[in-house]
């Protein structure tokens, strides 16, 4: 039979059924080959291991709430506390790595196209495998330090200065204090002004212009010494000494964070706001649900963090209507805000407290956003 002629599909009524064969067309062959290729690709993606790390929205914790056993997430003792309504949720990022969690290349590809996830080579995220224990320990230490910094920042914002001793921890290579100050020196005064707290240190330096000489009084081996050197520019027009310090705070209250298996410094802002809310009689939130992120220094500066895109989605999934983001993360926020979430930019603890107060009052018109910052 010619391929150009009519084709009949009517079988011989006397032939056995199993002898009836449908003619094969080019379209059928293309579909068969395509289907086979797709099946092989899907099979490959489902079993092929990928040396990547996948980041996704992690759990959130209401820092004004309680654990399942009734224990406060942020527990304060040594001061009067007051009931707080609403939620202040710290947000996290969960990271799955090929070295500890099995996942397929298909999951990697889905992560690449998802707005709520990121995919990077495992080593870029977790570092050298030989150094990961040290990185994990550092993350745990940052988690503890962030709680201390949050407490000092919160008390400072409420007008209660926390006494501290300030010790020189390290000098930068460019510091003019090289050869004059040493690791372990206890700083007691700058230009004659006593340094009795972490805040004192910044307050004195704020009165100095970059390049000006300062005289730093230190105690070394029981002896008081005066060392004079020029300050440096911090890049924003402020004066710095070019040293790292280690503050030892004399806390007037005890703050315990009852959250396990979370690391890093990025919950500091939400810890600080929870402390401020609990220590004040005002109902700042008025039942509003706010989430956020941001590391915080003891002087109240809110610092940028990683993974904010995933944290925005985690906040929305947890039911938050508002999100507080560090100003320096705004470039990552713009264009990545999930529907139903309003994001406000904060630069320090005072901005954060003003934001939750405005949200609770129902008037956020005066708050900075990332689009306007």
Protein backbone atom coordinates (compact mmCIF):
# COMPACT_ATOMS: atom_id res chain seq x y z
CA UNK A 1 0.00 0.00 0.00
CA UNK A 2 1.32 3.43 -0.90
CA UNK A 3 2.00 5.89 1.88
CA UNK A 4 0.24 8.51 -0.20
CA UNK A 5 -3.00 6.58 -0.43
CA UNK A 6 -5.83 6.25 2.06
CA UNK A 7 -5.17 4.18 5.15
CA UNK A 8 -7.88 2.08 6.66
CA UNK A 9 -7.75 1.07 10.28
CA UNK A 10 -10.59 -1.41 10.04
CA UNK A 11 -9.32 -4.89 11.03
CA UNK A 12 -10.12 -8.12 9.32
CA UNK A 13 -13.18 -9.35 11.19
CA UNK A 14 -11.81 -12.91 11.04
CA UNK A 15 -8.30 -12.08 12.27
CA UNK A 16 -7.30 -12.68 15.92
CA UNK A 17 -7.30 -9.48 17.94
CA UNK A 18 -3.61 -9.79 18.82
CA UNK A 19 -2.70 -9.69 15.14
CA UNK A 20 -4.19 -6.21 14.62
CA UNK A 21 -1.40 -3.58 14.41
CA UNK A 22 -2.04 0.16 14.22
CA UNK A 23 0.15 1.93 11.65
CA UNK A 24 2.97 4.06 13.14
CA UNK A 25 3.08 7.71 12.12
CA UNK A 26 5.98 10.17 12.44
CA UNK A 27 4.03 12.10 15.10
CA UNK A 28 3.67 8.94 17.17
CA UNK A 29 7.41 8.31 16.98
CA UNK A 30 8.23 11.92 18.02
CA UNK A 31 5.86 11.68 20.98
CA UNK A 32 7.33 8.34 21.98
CA UNK A 33 10.90 9.61 21.81
CA UNK A 34 9.98 12.83 23.67
CA UNK A 35 8.16 10.92 26.36
CA UNK A 36 11.07 8.56 26.79
CA UNK A 37 13.51 11.47 27.05
CA UNK A 38 11.33 13.23 29.63
CA UNK A 39 11.01 10.04 31.63
CA UNK A 40 14.77 9.51 31.60
CA UNK A 41 15.37 13.15 32.61
CA UNK A 42 12.89 12.90 35.47
CA UNK A 43 14.47 9.65 36.60
CA UNK A 44 17.90 11.25 36.45
CA UNK A 45 16.78 14.31 38.42
CA UNK A 46 15.16 12.12 41.06
CA UNK A 47 18.27 10.07 41.81
CA UNK A 48 21.31 12.18 40.91
CA UNK A 49 22.94 13.67 44.01
CA UNK A 50 23.86 17.35 43.89
CA UNK A 51 26.70 18.99 45.85
CA UNK A 52 24.69 22.08 46.65
CA UNK A 53 23.16 23.74 49.68
CA UNK A 54 19.52 24.80 49.53
CA UNK A 55 18.31 27.65 51.72
CA UNK A 56 14.61 27.99 52.52
CA UNK A 57 12.41 29.80 55.05
CA UNK A 58 13.09 28.36 58.48
CA UNK A 59 10.97 28.31 61.63
CA UNK A 60 9.89 31.56 63.25
CA UNK A 61 9.62 32.24 66.99
CA UNK A 62 7.38 34.76 68.71
CA UNK A 63 9.71 36.50 71.16
CA UNK A 64 6.67 37.65 73.14
CA UNK A 65 5.18 34.17 73.26
CA UNK A 66 5.72 30.90 75.07
CA UNK A 67 7.08 27.49 74.25
CA UNK A 68 4.74 24.48 74.26
CA UNK A 69 5.49 23.89 77.93
CA UNK A 70 4.54 27.45 78.87
CA UNK A 71 8.12 28.74 79.19
CA UNK A 72 8.51 32.28 77.81
CA UNK A 73 10.61 32.45 74.65
CA UNK A 74 12.35 35.53 76.10
CA UNK A 75 12.34 35.30 79.87
CA UNK A 76 13.28 38.30 82.03
CA UNK A 77 14.09 38.23 85.73
CA UNK A 78 15.35 40.95 88.04
CA UNK A 79 12.85 43.60 86.85
CA UNK A 80 9.12 44.18 86.68
CA UNK A 81 7.60 43.01 83.39
CA UNK A 82 4.23 43.74 81.83
CA UNK A 83 1.88 41.72 79.60
CA UNK A 84 2.37 42.30 75.89
CA UNK A 85 -0.09 41.64 73.11
CA UNK A 86 0.63 40.81 69.50
CA UNK A 87 3.69 39.06 68.15
CA UNK A 88 7.33 39.91 67.56
CA UNK A 89 8.67 37.05 65.45
CA UNK A 90 12.33 36.37 64.82
CA UNK A 91 12.83 34.72 61.45
CA UNK A 92 15.35 32.12 60.37
CA UNK A 93 16.70 30.36 57.29
CA UNK A 94 16.99 26.58 57.09
CA UNK A 95 19.89 25.21 55.06
CA UNK A 96 20.03 21.66 53.71
CA UNK A 97 23.39 20.49 52.40
CA UNK A 98 24.23 17.49 50.26
CA UNK A 99 26.80 16.30 52.78
CA UNK A 100 24.20 15.87 55.53
CA UNK A 101 20.83 15.69 53.77
CA UNK A 102 20.02 13.67 50.67
CA UNK A 103 18.31 15.64 47.93
CA UNK A 104 18.14 15.41 44.18
CA UNK A 105 19.25 17.64 41.37
CA UNK A 106 15.55 18.19 40.72
CA UNK A 107 15.22 19.81 44.13
CA UNK A 108 18.19 22.00 43.28
CA UNK A 109 16.56 23.11 40.03
CA UNK A 110 13.29 23.88 41.82
CA UNK A 111 15.23 25.90 44.36
CA UNK A 112 16.83 27.95 41.60
CA UNK A 113 13.47 29.04 40.19
CA UNK A 114 11.75 29.66 43.55
CA UNK A 115 11.46 33.17 45.01
CA UNK A 116 11.50 31.69 48.52
CA UNK A 117 14.73 29.70 48.21
CA UNK A 118 18.34 29.98 47.17
CA UNK A 119 20.79 27.45 45.83
CA UNK A 120 24.56 27.74 46.05
CA UNK A 121 27.46 25.32 45.95
CA UNK A 122 27.72 23.70 49.34
CA UNK A 123 31.23 24.95 50.06
CA UNK A 124 30.23 28.56 49.28
CA UNK A 125 27.53 28.39 51.95
CA UNK A 126 29.12 26.19 54.60
CA UNK A 127 32.79 26.86 53.95
CA UNK A 128 35.64 24.39 53.95
CA UNK A 129 34.45 21.01 55.31
CA UNK A 130 37.49 20.90 57.60
CA UNK A 131 36.48 24.21 59.18
CA UNK A 132 32.74 23.61 59.61
CA UNK A 133 32.93 22.65 63.27
CA UNK A 134 34.64 25.95 63.99
CA UNK A 135 32.05 27.85 61.93
CA UNK A 136 29.24 26.13 63.83
CA UNK A 137 30.81 27.04 67.15
CA UNK A 138 31.19 30.63 66.00
CA UNK A 139 27.50 30.70 65.02
CA UNK A 140 26.52 29.40 68.45
CA UNK A 141 28.67 32.07 70.12
CA UNK A 142 27.11 34.78 67.95
CA UNK A 143 23.68 33.57 69.08
CA UNK A 144 24.66 34.02 72.73
CA UNK A 145 26.42 37.35 72.12
CA UNK A 146 23.40 38.70 70.24
CA UNK A 147 21.26 38.16 73.34
CA UNK A 148 23.72 40.10 75.48
CA UNK A 149 23.97 42.93 72.94
CA UNK A 150 20.17 43.03 72.64
CA UNK A 151 19.79 43.38 76.41
CA UNK A 152 22.31 46.22 76.62
CA UNK A 153 20.78 47.98 73.60
CA UNK A 154 17.23 47.64 74.95
CA UNK A 155 18.15 48.96 78.39
CA UNK A 156 20.13 51.81 76.84
CA UNK A 157 17.18 52.77 74.65
CA UNK A 158 15.02 52.86 77.79
CA UNK A 159 17.52 55.17 79.47
CA UNK A 160 19.26 52.62 81.70
CA UNK A 161 23.00 52.52 81.09
CA UNK A 162 24.70 49.18 81.70
CA UNK A 163 28.09 49.40 83.46
CA UNK A 164 30.94 47.65 81.66
CA UNK A 165 34.67 47.24 81.66
CA UNK A 166 36.25 47.69 78.22
CA UNK A 167 39.29 45.61 77.30
CA UNK A 168 41.42 45.89 74.16
CA UNK A 169 40.91 42.64 72.22
CA UNK A 170 42.84 43.35 69.00
CA UNK A 171 44.42 46.18 67.01
CA UNK A 172 43.87 46.61 63.29
CA UNK A 173 47.01 46.76 61.12
CA UNK A 174 46.38 50.41 60.19
CA UNK A 175 45.70 51.59 63.75
CA UNK A 176 47.89 54.41 65.04
CA UNK A 177 47.68 52.69 68.42
CA UNK A 178 50.08 50.00 67.18
CA UNK A 179 53.00 49.78 69.61
CA UNK A 180 51.12 51.85 72.19
CA UNK A 181 48.07 49.84 73.20
CA UNK A 182 48.19 46.08 73.79
CA UNK A 183 45.73 43.23 73.86
CA UNK A 184 44.41 42.97 77.40
CA UNK A 185 44.69 46.67 78.23
CA UNK A 186 41.72 47.91 80.27
CA UNK A 187 40.46 51.25 78.91
CA UNK A 188 39.49 53.55 81.79
CA UNK A 189 39.34 57.00 80.15
CA UNK A 190 39.64 58.89 76.86
CA UNK A 191 40.82 62.52 76.97
CA UNK A 192 40.12 62.47 80.70
CA UNK A 193 36.49 61.32 80.34
CA UNK A 194 35.84 58.11 82.35
CA UNK A 195 34.82 55.04 80.34
CA UNK A 196 32.42 53.20 82.63
CA UNK A 197 30.14 51.70 79.97
CA UNK A 198 30.13 50.68 76.34
CA UNK A 199 28.03 53.75 75.55
CA UNK A 200 30.65 56.04 77.12
CA UNK A 201 33.19 54.82 74.57
CA UNK A 202 31.03 55.82 71.61
CA UNK A 203 29.84 59.05 73.19
CA UNK A 204 33.42 60.28 73.64
CA UNK A 205 34.50 59.26 70.13
CA UNK A 206 31.45 61.04 68.68
CA UNK A 207 32.98 64.35 69.82
CA UNK A 208 36.26 63.67 67.99
CA UNK A 209 37.00 64.40 64.33
CA UNK A 210 38.81 61.72 62.28
CA UNK A 211 42.56 62.34 62.42
CA UNK A 212 42.46 64.13 65.77
CA UNK A 213 44.77 62.94 68.52
CA UNK A 214 43.23 61.33 71.59
CA UNK A 215 44.79 60.30 74.87
CA UNK A 216 43.65 56.88 76.04
CA UNK A 217 44.16 55.91 79.66
CA UNK A 218 44.58 52.19 80.23
CA UNK A 219 45.39 49.90 83.11
CA UNK A 220 48.14 47.39 82.30
CA UNK A 221 49.62 45.01 84.85
CA UNK A 222 48.13 47.12 87.61
CA UNK A 223 49.70 50.36 86.33
CA UNK A 224 47.81 53.31 84.78
CA UNK A 225 49.26 54.55 81.47
CA UNK A 226 48.36 57.37 79.07
CA UNK A 227 48.92 56.76 75.35
CA UNK A 228 48.28 59.43 72.69
CA UNK A 229 47.66 58.67 69.01
CA UNK A 230 45.64 59.86 66.03
CA UNK A 231 42.20 58.48 65.26
CA UNK A 232 41.10 57.04 61.90
CA UNK A 233 38.07 57.69 59.68
CA UNK A 234 35.44 54.95 59.84
CA UNK A 235 34.43 55.65 56.24
CA UNK A 236 31.31 57.57 57.25
CA UNK A 237 33.01 60.60 58.75
CA UNK A 238 33.29 59.21 62.27
CA UNK A 239 36.42 58.80 64.36
CA UNK A 240 37.63 55.33 65.41
CA UNK A 241 40.69 54.10 67.24
CA UNK A 242 41.35 51.13 64.97
CA UNK A 243 40.92 48.59 67.73
CA UNK A 244 38.49 45.85 68.67
CA UNK A 245 37.26 45.85 72.24
CA UNK A 246 35.76 43.21 74.49
CA UNK A 247 33.12 44.62 76.84
CA UNK A 248 32.34 42.83 80.09
CA UNK A 249 28.84 43.98 81.14
CA UNK A 250 27.47 44.14 84.66
CA UNK A 251 23.87 43.28 83.76
CA UNK A 252 21.14 44.68 86.04
CA UNK A 253 18.66 42.05 84.79
CA UNK A 254 18.83 38.47 83.59
CA UNK A 255 17.49 37.60 80.13
CA UNK A 256 17.15 33.99 79.01
CA UNK A 257 16.21 33.01 75.47
CA UNK A 258 14.58 29.59 75.43
CA UNK A 259 15.12 28.69 71.78
CA UNK A 260 17.31 25.78 70.77
CA UNK A 261 19.09 24.88 67.52
CA UNK A 262 19.28 28.41 66.15
CA UNK A 263 22.56 30.21 65.58
CA UNK A 264 24.01 33.46 64.32
CA UNK A 265 23.43 37.09 65.30
CA UNK A 266 20.40 37.99 63.18
CA UNK A 267 17.76 37.70 65.92
CA UNK A 268 19.25 40.56 67.95
CA UNK A 269 16.75 43.21 66.87
CA UNK A 270 13.73 41.09 67.74
CA UNK A 271 15.24 40.13 71.11
CA UNK A 272 15.82 43.80 71.93
CA UNK A 273 12.28 44.83 70.95
CA UNK A 274 10.81 42.00 73.01
CA UNK A 275 12.80 43.15 76.06
CA UNK A 276 11.66 46.75 75.59
CA UNK A 277 8.04 45.71 75.14
CA UNK A 278 8.07 43.55 78.27
CA UNK A 279 9.76 46.21 80.42
CA UNK A 280 7.30 48.98 79.51
CA UNK A 281 3.67 49.32 80.61
CA UNK A 282 2.53 50.51 77.17
CA UNK A 283 0.91 47.99 74.83
CA UNK A 284 3.07 48.92 71.86
CA UNK A 285 1.76 46.36 69.37
CA UNK A 286 -1.93 46.41 70.22
CA UNK A 287 -2.28 42.82 68.89
CA UNK A 288 -0.35 43.48 65.66
CA UNK A 289 1.75 40.64 64.24
CA UNK A 290 5.25 41.85 63.37
CA UNK A 291 8.25 39.85 62.20
CA UNK A 292 11.76 40.99 61.49
CA UNK A 293 15.48 40.40 61.42
CA UNK A 294 18.72 42.22 62.03
CA UNK A 295 21.85 41.88 64.11
CA UNK A 296 22.22 44.51 66.81
CA UNK A 297 25.25 45.98 68.53
CA UNK A 298 25.34 46.94 72.17
CA UNK A 299 25.05 50.62 71.22
CA UNK A 300 21.78 49.89 69.37
CA UNK A 301 22.95 49.90 65.75
CA UNK A 302 20.96 47.48 63.55
CA UNK A 303 23.26 45.63 61.18
CA UNK A 304 22.56 43.71 57.94
CA UNK A 305 22.09 39.95 57.79
CA UNK A 306 21.89 37.20 55.17
CA UNK A 307 18.92 35.33 53.75
CA UNK A 308 16.41 38.14 54.05
CA UNK A 309 14.46 37.04 50.98
CA UNK A 310 13.69 33.70 52.62
CA UNK A 311 12.90 35.41 55.91
CA UNK A 312 10.31 37.63 54.22
CA UNK A 313 8.50 34.55 52.95
CA UNK A 314 8.84 32.82 56.32
CA UNK A 315 7.26 35.83 58.02
CA UNK A 316 4.34 35.90 55.60
CA UNK A 317 3.81 32.14 56.01
CA UNK A 318 3.74 32.60 59.81
CA UNK A 319 0.94 35.14 59.54
CA UNK A 320 2.91 38.36 60.05
CA UNK A 321 1.48 41.47 58.42
CA UNK A 322 4.57 43.64 59.00
CA UNK A 323 8.31 43.11 58.72
CA UNK A 324 11.27 45.11 60.08
CA UNK A 325 14.39 44.97 57.89
CA UNK A 326 17.83 46.52 58.34
CA UNK A 327 18.30 49.56 56.11
CA UNK A 328 21.42 47.99 54.63
CA UNK A 329 19.39 45.01 53.39
CA UNK A 330 16.95 47.19 51.45
CA UNK A 331 18.50 46.42 48.06
CA UNK A 332 17.59 42.75 48.62
CA UNK A 333 14.11 43.59 49.89
CA UNK A 334 12.94 45.69 46.95
CA UNK A 335 11.16 43.51 44.41
CA UNK A 336 11.04 40.49 46.73
CA UNK A 337 8.25 41.40 49.16
CA UNK A 338 5.52 38.72 49.31
CA UNK A 339 1.92 39.84 48.88
CA UNK A 340 0.27 40.87 52.12
CA UNK A 341 3.48 41.93 53.90
CA UNK A 342 4.46 45.55 54.65
CA UNK A 343 8.19 46.12 55.16
CA UNK A 344 9.75 48.98 57.12
CA UNK A 345 13.44 49.87 57.20
CA UNK A 346 15.25 50.36 60.53
CA UNK A 347 18.72 51.69 61.20
CA UNK A 348 18.87 51.37 64.98
CA UNK A 349 16.92 50.18 68.01
CA UNK A 350 15.08 53.50 68.30
CA UNK A 351 13.79 53.07 64.72
CA UNK A 352 12.61 49.57 65.58
CA UNK A 353 10.77 50.66 68.71
CA UNK A 354 9.19 53.60 66.86
CA UNK A 355 8.06 51.17 64.17
CA UNK A 356 6.26 48.74 66.48
CA UNK A 357 4.65 51.66 68.32
CA UNK A 358 3.41 53.17 65.04
CA UNK A 359 2.16 49.80 63.82
CA UNK A 360 0.25 49.32 67.06
CA UNK A 361 -1.31 52.77 66.75
CA UNK A 362 -2.45 52.04 63.20
CA UNK A 363 -0.52 54.95 61.66
CA UNK A 364 2.61 53.88 59.78
CA UNK A 365 2.70 56.88 57.42
CA UNK A 366 5.83 58.29 59.05
CA UNK A 367 7.88 55.08 58.89
CA UNK A 368 10.74 54.58 56.45
CA UNK A 369 10.39 51.90 53.81
CA UNK A 370 13.08 50.37 51.68
CA UNK A 371 11.74 52.13 48.59
CA UNK A 372 12.15 55.49 50.31
CA UNK A 373 15.27 54.86 52.35
